[in-house]
Amino acid sequence: MAIRPRMRPTFEIPMKIDGTRTMARIKTRLEKGSTRVSGQVVGGYAYLQVPPERQSLLSPHLNLQLLERGDRIVLHGRFGPRPNVWTGFMAVYGVLSLTGLGGIMLGWAQASVKEYAWGFWLLPASLALIAFVYGAAVIGQGLTQDEMYLLRNFVDHMVAGDEREEALWEDEPAS
């Protein structure tokens, strides 16, 4: 199976017993404080990030949610950029899409009155720019993969529930 870059990578971890214990463990760990991971937990939802002082513009956030999948519970995680960055990307996609659509309409109008239909050129230009923005998002994921690994590793340790492993997340000097 080929691995392709995704805008917002996701994963699911099957819960062996009860997912609420895992969420409680995550909440307790976050309340103790850490220089490596911060966030909050509300019920069956959690929001994890690197602490604000260590964040960059592209730093990922990890949203966690307990979901029912048939007769079992899974912890569903989705990585994404900060909400304002995600909104910016979606706004750029929207503007470029509307520019391409406008180009088609302009080109059609120009062609119908027998003028040179240069408006049609807006569609391939918009598609090229959409591909460029998508590439920038993939590059951003590559630049922050160490932060994504840190957040996923934190979740894996909290799901495992091993007290010795939880000690790895005690406060340490920022590197």
N, C-alpha and C. Protein backbone atom coordinates (compact mmCIF):
# COMPACT_ATOMS: atom_id res chain seq x y z
N MET A 1 0.84 -1.17 0.00
CA MET A 1 0.00 0.00 0.00
C MET A 1 0.89 1.24 0.00
N ALA A 2 0.60 2.17 -0.88
CA ALA A 2 1.40 3.38 -0.99
C ALA A 2 0.99 4.37 0.10
N ILE A 3 1.98 5.02 0.67
CA ILE A 3 1.73 6.05 1.66
C ILE A 3 1.72 7.38 0.95
N ARG A 4 0.66 8.13 1.15
CA ARG A 4 0.58 9.44 0.52
C ARG A 4 0.49 10.50 1.61
N PRO A 5 1.01 11.68 1.33
CA PRO A 5 0.89 12.75 2.32
C PRO A 5 -0.57 13.13 2.51
N ARG A 6 -0.93 13.41 3.74
CA ARG A 6 -2.30 13.82 4.04
C ARG A 6 -2.27 15.18 4.71
N MET A 7 -3.31 15.97 4.46
CA MET A 7 -3.37 17.30 5.06
C MET A 7 -3.45 17.22 6.58
N ARG A 8 -4.24 16.31 7.10
CA ARG A 8 -4.40 16.18 8.55
C ARG A 8 -4.32 14.70 8.89
N PRO A 9 -3.09 14.19 9.16
CA PRO A 9 -2.92 12.76 9.44
C PRO A 9 -3.76 12.30 10.64
N THR A 10 -4.29 11.09 10.54
CA THR A 10 -5.10 10.52 11.62
C THR A 10 -4.57 9.15 12.00
N PHE A 11 -4.97 8.70 13.19
CA PHE A 11 -4.65 7.35 13.65
C PHE A 11 -5.74 6.92 14.62
N GLU A 12 -5.83 5.61 14.84
CA GLU A 12 -6.76 5.07 15.82
C GLU A 12 -6.05 4.01 16.64
N ILE A 13 -6.27 4.05 17.96
CA ILE A 13 -5.68 3.07 18.87
C ILE A 13 -6.84 2.36 19.56
N PRO A 14 -6.96 1.03 19.37
CA PRO A 14 -8.03 0.29 20.06
C PRO A 14 -7.77 0.30 21.58
N MET A 15 -8.80 0.57 22.35
CA MET A 15 -8.70 0.57 23.81
C MET A 15 -8.95 -0.84 24.32
N LYS A 16 -8.05 -1.31 25.19
CA LYS A 16 -8.18 -2.66 25.73
C LYS A 16 -9.30 -2.76 26.76
N ILE A 17 -9.39 -1.77 27.63
CA ILE A 17 -10.40 -1.84 28.70
C ILE A 17 -11.36 -0.67 28.58
N ASP A 18 -10.96 0.46 29.12
CA ASP A 18 -11.85 1.62 29.18
C ASP A 18 -11.07 2.86 28.78
N GLY A 19 -11.54 3.57 27.77
CA GLY A 19 -10.84 4.74 27.29
C GLY A 19 -10.87 5.90 28.27
N THR A 20 -11.86 5.91 29.18
CA THR A 20 -11.93 7.03 30.12
C THR A 20 -10.74 7.02 31.07
N ARG A 21 -10.21 5.85 31.38
CA ARG A 21 -8.99 5.79 32.21
C ARG A 21 -7.81 6.43 31.50
N THR A 22 -7.72 6.19 30.21
CA THR A 22 -6.63 6.80 29.43
C THR A 22 -6.78 8.31 29.42
N MET A 23 -8.00 8.80 29.21
CA MET A 23 -8.22 10.25 29.22
C MET A 23 -7.90 10.84 30.60
N ALA A 24 -8.27 10.12 31.65
CA ALA A 24 -7.96 10.59 33.01
C ALA A 24 -6.45 10.63 33.23
N ARG A 25 -5.74 9.64 32.71
CA ARG A 25 -4.29 9.60 32.83
C ARG A 25 -3.65 10.77 32.08
N ILE A 26 -4.17 11.05 30.88
CA ILE A 26 -3.66 12.19 30.10
C ILE A 26 -3.92 13.49 30.85
N LYS A 27 -5.13 13.64 31.40
CA LYS A 27 -5.48 14.86 32.13
C LYS A 27 -4.57 15.04 33.35
N THR A 28 -4.35 13.98 34.10
CA THR A 28 -3.48 14.06 35.28
C THR A 28 -2.07 14.46 34.88
N ARG A 29 -1.57 13.84 33.81
CA ARG A 29 -0.21 14.16 33.36
C ARG A 29 -0.10 15.62 32.92
N LEU A 30 -1.11 16.12 32.22
CA LEU A 30 -1.09 17.51 31.77
C LEU A 30 -1.19 18.49 32.94
N GLU A 31 -1.98 18.12 33.95
CA GLU A 31 -2.12 18.99 35.12
C GLU A 31 -0.83 19.07 35.93
N LYS A 32 -0.02 18.01 35.89
CA LYS A 32 1.28 18.04 36.59
C LYS A 32 2.23 19.02 35.92
N GLY A 33 2.01 19.28 34.66
CA GLY A 33 2.85 20.21 33.91
C GLY A 33 4.04 19.50 33.28
N SER A 34 4.46 20.00 32.15
CA SER A 34 5.59 19.43 31.43
C SER A 34 6.13 20.49 30.49
N THR A 35 7.42 20.43 30.25
CA THR A 35 8.02 21.34 29.27
C THR A 35 7.91 20.77 27.87
N ARG A 36 7.34 19.56 27.74
CA ARG A 36 7.31 18.91 26.44
C ARG A 36 5.92 18.87 25.81
N VAL A 37 4.85 18.74 26.62
CA VAL A 37 3.49 18.62 26.09
C VAL A 37 2.55 19.42 26.99
N SER A 38 1.62 20.13 26.36
CA SER A 38 0.57 20.82 27.12
C SER A 38 -0.75 20.55 26.43
N GLY A 39 -1.83 20.95 27.06
CA GLY A 39 -3.14 20.76 26.46
C GLY A 39 -4.21 20.68 27.51
N GLN A 40 -5.36 20.15 27.11
CA GLN A 40 -6.46 20.00 28.05
C GLN A 40 -7.32 18.81 27.65
N VAL A 41 -8.06 18.30 28.65
CA VAL A 41 -8.96 17.17 28.45
C VAL A 41 -10.32 17.55 28.98
N VAL A 42 -11.35 17.28 28.18
CA VAL A 42 -12.73 17.50 28.60
C VAL A 42 -13.52 16.27 28.19
N GLY A 43 -13.91 15.48 29.18
CA GLY A 43 -14.68 14.28 28.91
C GLY A 43 -13.90 13.31 28.02
N GLY A 44 -14.48 12.94 26.88
CA GLY A 44 -13.84 12.01 25.96
C GLY A 44 -13.04 12.69 24.88
N TYR A 45 -12.69 13.96 25.08
CA TYR A 45 -11.93 14.73 24.10
C TYR A 45 -10.67 15.28 24.75
N ALA A 46 -9.61 15.36 23.97
CA ALA A 46 -8.37 15.96 24.45
C ALA A 46 -7.74 16.76 23.31
N TYR A 47 -7.01 17.77 23.71
CA TYR A 47 -6.33 18.66 22.76
C TYR A 47 -4.90 18.80 23.26
N LEU A 48 -3.93 18.31 22.48
CA LEU A 48 -2.53 18.32 22.90
C LEU A 48 -1.70 19.18 21.95
N GLN A 49 -0.68 19.80 22.49
CA GLN A 49 0.23 20.64 21.70
C GLN A 49 1.56 20.72 22.42
N VAL A 50 2.54 21.22 21.72
CA VAL A 50 3.79 21.54 22.41
C VAL A 50 3.52 22.84 23.17
N PRO A 51 4.22 23.07 24.29
CA PRO A 51 3.96 24.29 25.06
C PRO A 51 4.14 25.55 24.21
N PRO A 52 3.36 26.59 24.50
CA PRO A 52 3.40 27.81 23.68
C PRO A 52 4.79 28.40 23.48
N GLU A 53 5.64 28.31 24.49
CA GLU A 53 6.98 28.89 24.35
C GLU A 53 7.87 28.11 23.38
N ARG A 54 7.47 26.90 23.03
CA ARG A 54 8.26 26.08 22.10
C ARG A 54 7.60 25.98 20.72
N GLN A 55 6.46 26.64 20.53
CA GLN A 55 5.73 26.53 19.28
C GLN A 55 6.31 27.44 18.21
N SER A 56 6.17 26.99 16.98
CA SER A 56 6.47 27.82 15.82
C SER A 56 5.16 28.01 15.05
N LEU A 57 5.21 28.73 13.95
CA LEU A 57 4.00 28.96 13.15
C LEU A 57 3.39 27.64 12.67
N LEU A 58 4.23 26.65 12.38
CA LEU A 58 3.75 25.39 11.81
C LEU A 58 3.52 24.29 12.84
N SER A 59 3.72 24.56 14.13
CA SER A 59 3.59 23.52 15.15
C SER A 59 2.23 22.85 15.10
N PRO A 60 2.23 21.50 15.17
CA PRO A 60 0.96 20.77 15.08
C PRO A 60 0.23 20.73 16.41
N HIS A 61 -1.05 20.47 16.32
CA HIS A 61 -1.90 20.19 17.47
C HIS A 61 -2.46 18.80 17.24
N LEU A 62 -2.74 18.09 18.31
CA LEU A 62 -3.30 16.76 18.22
C LEU A 62 -4.64 16.74 18.94
N ASN A 63 -5.70 16.45 18.20
CA ASN A 63 -7.03 16.31 18.78
C ASN A 63 -7.31 14.83 18.98
N LEU A 64 -7.73 14.47 20.18
CA LEU A 64 -8.05 13.08 20.52
C LEU A 64 -9.53 12.98 20.87
N GLN A 65 -10.12 11.85 20.49
CA GLN A 65 -11.54 11.62 20.78
C GLN A 65 -11.78 10.13 20.95
N LEU A 66 -12.54 9.76 21.98
CA LEU A 66 -12.93 8.37 22.15
C LEU A 66 -14.16 8.11 21.29
N LEU A 67 -14.08 7.09 20.43
CA LEU A 67 -15.18 6.76 19.52
C LEU A 67 -15.56 5.30 19.65
N GLU A 68 -16.82 4.99 19.40
CA GLU A 68 -17.28 3.60 19.34
C GLU A 68 -17.14 3.10 17.92
N ARG A 69 -16.49 1.99 17.76
CA ARG A 69 -16.36 1.32 16.46
C ARG A 69 -16.92 -0.09 16.63
N GLY A 70 -18.21 -0.22 16.37
CA GLY A 70 -18.85 -1.52 16.57
C GLY A 70 -18.95 -1.82 18.05
N ASP A 71 -18.33 -2.91 18.47
CA ASP A 71 -18.40 -3.31 19.88
C ASP A 71 -17.16 -2.92 20.67
N ARG A 72 -16.33 -2.06 20.13
CA ARG A 72 -15.12 -1.66 20.85
C ARG A 72 -14.97 -0.14 20.83
N ILE A 73 -14.11 0.34 21.70
CA ILE A 73 -13.82 1.77 21.80
C ILE A 73 -12.42 2.00 21.24
N VAL A 74 -12.27 3.05 20.44
CA VAL A 74 -10.96 3.41 19.90
C VAL A 74 -10.66 4.86 20.27
N LEU A 75 -9.39 5.16 20.39
CA LEU A 75 -8.93 6.53 20.59
C LEU A 75 -8.53 7.05 19.22
N HIS A 76 -9.31 8.00 18.72
CA HIS A 76 -9.09 8.57 17.39
C HIS A 76 -8.29 9.86 17.55
N GLY A 77 -7.16 9.94 16.85
CA GLY A 77 -6.32 11.13 16.91
C GLY A 77 -6.17 11.76 15.53
N ARG A 78 -6.16 13.09 15.50
CA ARG A 78 -6.00 13.82 14.24
C ARG A 78 -5.03 14.97 14.47
N PHE A 79 -3.95 14.96 13.68
CA PHE A 79 -2.99 16.05 13.72
C PHE A 79 -3.46 17.16 12.80
N GLY A 80 -3.18 18.37 13.19
CA GLY A 80 -3.50 19.51 12.34
C GLY A 80 -2.72 20.72 12.80
N PRO A 81 -2.68 21.73 11.96
CA PRO A 81 -2.02 22.97 12.37
C PRO A 81 -2.90 23.74 13.36
N ARG A 82 -2.37 24.82 13.88
CA ARG A 82 -3.18 25.66 14.75
C ARG A 82 -4.41 26.12 13.99
N PRO A 83 -5.51 26.37 14.69
CA PRO A 83 -6.74 26.74 13.99
C PRO A 83 -6.60 27.96 13.08
N ASN A 84 -5.83 28.97 13.49
CA ASN A 84 -5.68 30.14 12.63
C ASN A 84 -4.88 29.82 11.37
N VAL A 85 -3.92 28.92 11.47
CA VAL A 85 -3.15 28.51 10.29
C VAL A 85 -4.04 27.67 9.36
N TRP A 86 -4.83 26.76 9.93
CA TRP A 86 -5.75 25.93 9.14
C TRP A 86 -6.76 26.82 8.42
N THR A 87 -7.29 27.82 9.11
CA THR A 87 -8.24 28.74 8.50
C THR A 87 -7.58 29.50 7.34
N GLY A 88 -6.34 29.90 7.52
CA GLY A 88 -5.61 30.58 6.46
C GLY A 88 -5.44 29.70 5.23
N PHE A 89 -5.06 28.43 5.44
CA PHE A 89 -4.93 27.51 4.31
C PHE A 89 -6.25 27.33 3.59
N MET A 90 -7.33 27.15 4.35
CA MET A 90 -8.64 26.96 3.72
C MET A 90 -9.09 28.23 2.98
N ALA A 91 -8.77 29.40 3.53
CA ALA A 91 -9.11 30.65 2.84
C ALA A 91 -8.36 30.76 1.52
N VAL A 92 -7.08 30.39 1.52
CA VAL A 92 -6.30 30.44 0.28
C VAL A 92 -6.88 29.47 -0.75
N TYR A 93 -7.23 28.24 -0.29
CA TYR A 93 -7.86 27.28 -1.21
C TYR A 93 -9.17 27.83 -1.77
N GLY A 94 -9.97 28.45 -0.91
CA GLY A 94 -11.25 29.01 -1.35
C GLY A 94 -11.06 30.11 -2.39
N VAL A 95 -10.13 31.03 -2.13
CA VAL A 95 -9.89 32.13 -3.06
C VAL A 95 -9.38 31.59 -4.40
N LEU A 96 -8.45 30.64 -4.35
CA LEU A 96 -7.91 30.08 -5.59
C LEU A 96 -8.98 29.31 -6.36
N SER A 97 -9.83 28.59 -5.65
CA SER A 97 -10.91 27.86 -6.32
C SER A 97 -11.89 28.82 -7.00
N LEU A 98 -12.25 29.87 -6.29
CA LEU A 98 -13.16 30.86 -6.88
C LEU A 98 -12.52 31.60 -8.05
N THR A 99 -11.21 31.83 -7.97
CA THR A 99 -10.50 32.46 -9.08
C THR A 99 -10.54 31.55 -10.31
N GLY A 100 -10.33 30.26 -10.12
CA GLY A 100 -10.42 29.32 -11.24
C GLY A 100 -11.81 29.28 -11.84
N LEU A 101 -12.83 29.25 -10.98
CA LEU A 101 -14.21 29.25 -11.46
C LEU A 101 -14.53 30.56 -12.19
N GLY A 102 -14.08 31.67 -11.62
CA GLY A 102 -14.27 32.96 -12.28
C GLY A 102 -13.58 33.02 -13.62
N GLY A 103 -12.39 32.40 -13.71
CA GLY A 103 -11.67 32.35 -14.98
C GLY A 103 -12.44 31.58 -16.04
N ILE A 104 -13.06 30.48 -15.63
CA ILE A 104 -13.87 29.71 -16.59
C ILE A 104 -15.04 30.56 -17.09
N MET A 105 -15.72 31.24 -16.17
CA MET A 105 -16.87 32.07 -16.57
C MET A 105 -16.43 33.24 -17.44
N LEU A 106 -15.31 33.88 -17.08
CA LEU A 106 -14.80 34.99 -17.88
C LEU A 106 -14.39 34.50 -19.26
N GLY A 107 -13.66 33.39 -19.31
CA GLY A 107 -13.25 32.84 -20.60
C GLY A 107 -14.42 32.48 -21.48
N TRP A 108 -15.46 31.89 -20.89
CA TRP A 108 -16.65 31.54 -21.64
C TRP A 108 -17.33 32.80 -22.20
N ALA A 109 -17.44 33.83 -21.37
CA ALA A 109 -18.05 35.08 -21.83
C ALA A 109 -17.22 35.70 -22.96
N GLN A 110 -15.89 35.68 -22.81
CA GLN A 110 -15.04 36.25 -23.85
C GLN A 110 -15.17 35.46 -25.15
N ALA A 111 -15.22 34.14 -25.03
CA ALA A 111 -15.35 33.31 -26.23
C ALA A 111 -16.72 33.52 -26.90
N SER A 112 -17.75 33.75 -26.10
CA SER A 112 -19.08 33.90 -26.68
C SER A 112 -19.22 35.22 -27.46
N VAL A 113 -18.39 36.22 -27.15
CA VAL A 113 -18.43 37.48 -27.91
C VAL A 113 -17.25 37.57 -28.88
N LYS A 114 -16.64 36.42 -29.11
CA LYS A 114 -15.57 36.27 -30.10
C LYS A 114 -14.34 37.14 -29.80
N GLU A 115 -14.00 37.27 -28.50
CA GLU A 115 -12.76 37.91 -28.09
C GLU A 115 -11.76 36.82 -27.74
N TYR A 116 -10.51 37.22 -27.58
CA TYR A 116 -9.51 36.26 -27.12
C TYR A 116 -9.87 35.84 -25.69
N ALA A 117 -10.03 34.57 -25.45
CA ALA A 117 -10.51 34.04 -24.16
C ALA A 117 -9.35 33.80 -23.20
N TRP A 118 -8.68 34.89 -22.80
CA TRP A 118 -7.55 34.76 -21.87
C TRP A 118 -8.03 34.35 -20.47
N GLY A 119 -9.30 34.51 -20.15
CA GLY A 119 -9.83 34.14 -18.83
C GLY A 119 -9.67 32.66 -18.52
N PHE A 120 -9.67 31.84 -19.57
CA PHE A 120 -9.48 30.40 -19.36
C PHE A 120 -8.13 30.09 -18.72
N TRP A 121 -7.14 30.96 -18.90
CA TRP A 121 -5.81 30.73 -18.33
C TRP A 121 -5.80 30.84 -16.80
N LEU A 122 -6.84 31.43 -16.22
CA LEU A 122 -6.91 31.53 -14.76
C LEU A 122 -7.11 30.16 -14.11
N LEU A 123 -7.76 29.23 -14.81
CA LEU A 123 -7.99 27.90 -14.23
C LEU A 123 -6.67 27.15 -14.03
N PRO A 124 -5.82 26.96 -15.05
CA PRO A 124 -4.57 26.24 -14.78
C PRO A 124 -3.66 26.99 -13.81
N ALA A 125 -3.70 28.33 -13.85
CA ALA A 125 -2.89 29.08 -12.88
C ALA A 125 -3.38 28.81 -11.46
N SER A 126 -4.69 28.78 -11.26
CA SER A 126 -5.25 28.50 -9.94
C SER A 126 -4.90 27.08 -9.48
N LEU A 127 -5.00 26.12 -10.40
CA LEU A 127 -4.66 24.73 -10.05
C LEU A 127 -3.19 24.60 -9.68
N ALA A 128 -2.33 25.32 -10.41
CA ALA A 128 -0.90 25.27 -10.09
C ALA A 128 -0.64 25.87 -8.70
N LEU A 129 -1.31 26.96 -8.38
CA LEU A 129 -1.13 27.57 -7.07
C LEU A 129 -1.71 26.70 -5.95
N ILE A 130 -2.82 26.01 -6.22
CA ILE A 130 -3.38 25.07 -5.24
C ILE A 130 -2.38 23.96 -4.97
N ALA A 131 -1.75 23.44 -6.02
CA ALA A 131 -0.74 22.40 -5.85
C ALA A 131 0.45 22.93 -5.05
N PHE A 132 0.83 24.18 -5.29
CA PHE A 132 1.93 24.79 -4.54
C PHE A 132 1.59 24.90 -3.05
N VAL A 133 0.38 25.33 -2.74
CA VAL A 133 -0.04 25.46 -1.33
C VAL A 133 -0.10 24.09 -0.67
N TYR A 134 -0.59 23.08 -1.39
CA TYR A 134 -0.61 21.72 -0.85
C TYR A 134 0.82 21.25 -0.57
N GLY A 135 1.72 21.52 -1.49
CA GLY A 135 3.13 21.16 -1.29
C GLY A 135 3.72 21.87 -0.08
N ALA A 136 3.35 23.13 0.13
CA ALA A 136 3.82 23.86 1.30
C ALA A 136 3.32 23.20 2.59
N ALA A 137 2.08 22.71 2.57
CA ALA A 137 1.54 22.03 3.75
C ALA A 137 2.31 20.73 4.03
N VAL A 138 2.62 20.00 2.98
CA VAL A 138 3.38 18.75 3.15
C VAL A 138 4.80 19.05 3.67
N ILE A 139 5.42 20.09 3.14
CA ILE A 139 6.74 20.48 3.63
C ILE A 139 6.66 20.90 5.09
N GLY A 140 5.60 21.63 5.46
CA GLY A 140 5.40 22.02 6.85
C GLY A 140 5.28 20.81 7.77
N GLN A 141 4.60 19.77 7.31
CA GLN A 141 4.51 18.54 8.10
C GLN A 141 5.89 17.93 8.29
N GLY A 142 6.68 17.95 7.23
CA GLY A 142 8.03 17.39 7.33
C GLY A 142 8.90 18.18 8.31
N LEU A 143 8.74 19.50 8.33
CA LEU A 143 9.53 20.33 9.23
C LEU A 143 9.13 20.16 10.69
N THR A 144 7.89 19.72 10.93
CA THR A 144 7.44 19.56 12.31
C THR A 144 7.22 18.10 12.69
N GLN A 145 7.79 17.18 11.95
CA GLN A 145 7.55 15.77 12.25
C GLN A 145 8.09 15.36 13.62
N ASP A 146 9.14 16.04 14.11
CA ASP A 146 9.62 15.71 15.45
C ASP A 146 8.58 16.08 16.51
N GLU A 147 7.86 17.16 16.32
CA GLU A 147 6.80 17.54 17.26
C GLU A 147 5.62 16.57 17.15
N MET A 148 5.29 16.14 15.93
CA MET A 148 4.22 15.16 15.75
C MET A 148 4.60 13.84 16.43
N TYR A 149 5.86 13.45 16.30
CA TYR A 149 6.33 12.22 16.95
C TYR A 149 6.23 12.36 18.46
N LEU A 150 6.62 13.51 18.99
CA LEU A 150 6.57 13.75 20.43
C LEU A 150 5.14 13.61 20.95
N LEU A 151 4.18 14.22 20.27
CA LEU A 151 2.78 14.15 20.70
C LEU A 151 2.24 12.72 20.61
N ARG A 152 2.55 12.03 19.51
CA ARG A 152 2.07 10.65 19.36
C ARG A 152 2.71 9.73 20.39
N ASN A 153 4.00 9.94 20.67
CA ASN A 153 4.70 9.13 21.67
C ASN A 153 4.08 9.34 23.05
N PHE A 154 3.73 10.57 23.36
CA PHE A 154 3.06 10.88 24.63
C PHE A 154 1.76 10.09 24.75
N VAL A 155 0.95 10.11 23.68
CA VAL A 155 -0.32 9.38 23.70
C VAL A 155 -0.08 7.89 23.86
N ASP A 156 0.89 7.35 23.13
CA ASP A 156 1.18 5.91 23.24
C ASP A 156 1.57 5.52 24.67
N HIS A 157 2.37 6.35 25.32
CA HIS A 157 2.77 6.06 26.71
C HIS A 157 1.58 6.15 27.66
N MET A 158 0.69 7.10 27.44
CA MET A 158 -0.48 7.23 28.31
C MET A 158 -1.45 6.07 28.10
N VAL A 159 -1.58 5.59 26.86
CA VAL A 159 -2.45 4.45 26.59
C VAL A 159 -1.87 3.19 27.23
N ALA A 160 -0.54 3.01 27.14
CA ALA A 160 0.10 1.84 27.73
C ALA A 160 -0.08 1.82 29.25
N GLY A 161 -0.07 3.01 29.87
CA GLY A 161 -0.34 3.10 31.30
C GLY A 161 0.77 2.61 32.18
N ASP A 162 1.96 2.45 31.67
CA ASP A 162 3.09 1.98 32.47
C ASP A 162 3.65 3.16 33.28
N GLU A 163 3.64 3.03 34.60
CA GLU A 163 4.10 4.11 35.48
C GLU A 163 5.56 4.45 35.24
N ARG A 164 6.38 3.43 34.91
CA ARG A 164 7.80 3.71 34.63
C ARG A 164 7.93 4.58 33.39
N GLU A 165 7.12 4.31 32.37
CA GLU A 165 7.18 5.12 31.15
C GLU A 165 6.63 6.52 31.39
N GLU A 166 5.65 6.65 32.30
CA GLU A 166 5.09 7.96 32.57
C GLU A 166 6.15 8.88 33.17
N ALA A 167 7.12 8.33 33.86
CA ALA A 167 8.19 9.14 34.44
C ALA A 167 9.00 9.85 33.35
N LEU A 168 8.96 9.34 32.13
CA LEU A 168 9.66 10.00 31.03
C LEU A 168 9.10 11.38 30.76
N TRP A 169 7.87 11.63 31.18
CA TRP A 169 7.20 12.89 30.87
C TRP A 169 7.26 13.88 32.03
N GLU A 170 8.07 13.56 33.05
CA GLU A 170 8.26 14.52 34.14
C GLU A 170 8.97 15.74 33.60
N ASP A 171 8.84 16.84 34.33
CA ASP A 171 9.50 18.08 33.87
C ASP A 171 10.98 17.88 33.73
N GLU A 172 11.49 18.47 32.70
CA GLU A 172 12.93 18.42 32.45
C GLU A 172 13.34 19.76 31.89
N PRO A 173 14.59 20.09 31.96
CA PRO A 173 15.01 21.37 31.37
C PRO A 173 14.75 21.41 29.89
N ALA A 174 14.26 22.54 29.40
CA ALA A 174 14.00 22.69 27.97
C ALA A 174 15.31 22.63 27.21
N SER A 175 15.29 21.89 26.10
CA SER A 175 16.53 21.77 25.33
C SER A 175 16.58 22.76 24.20
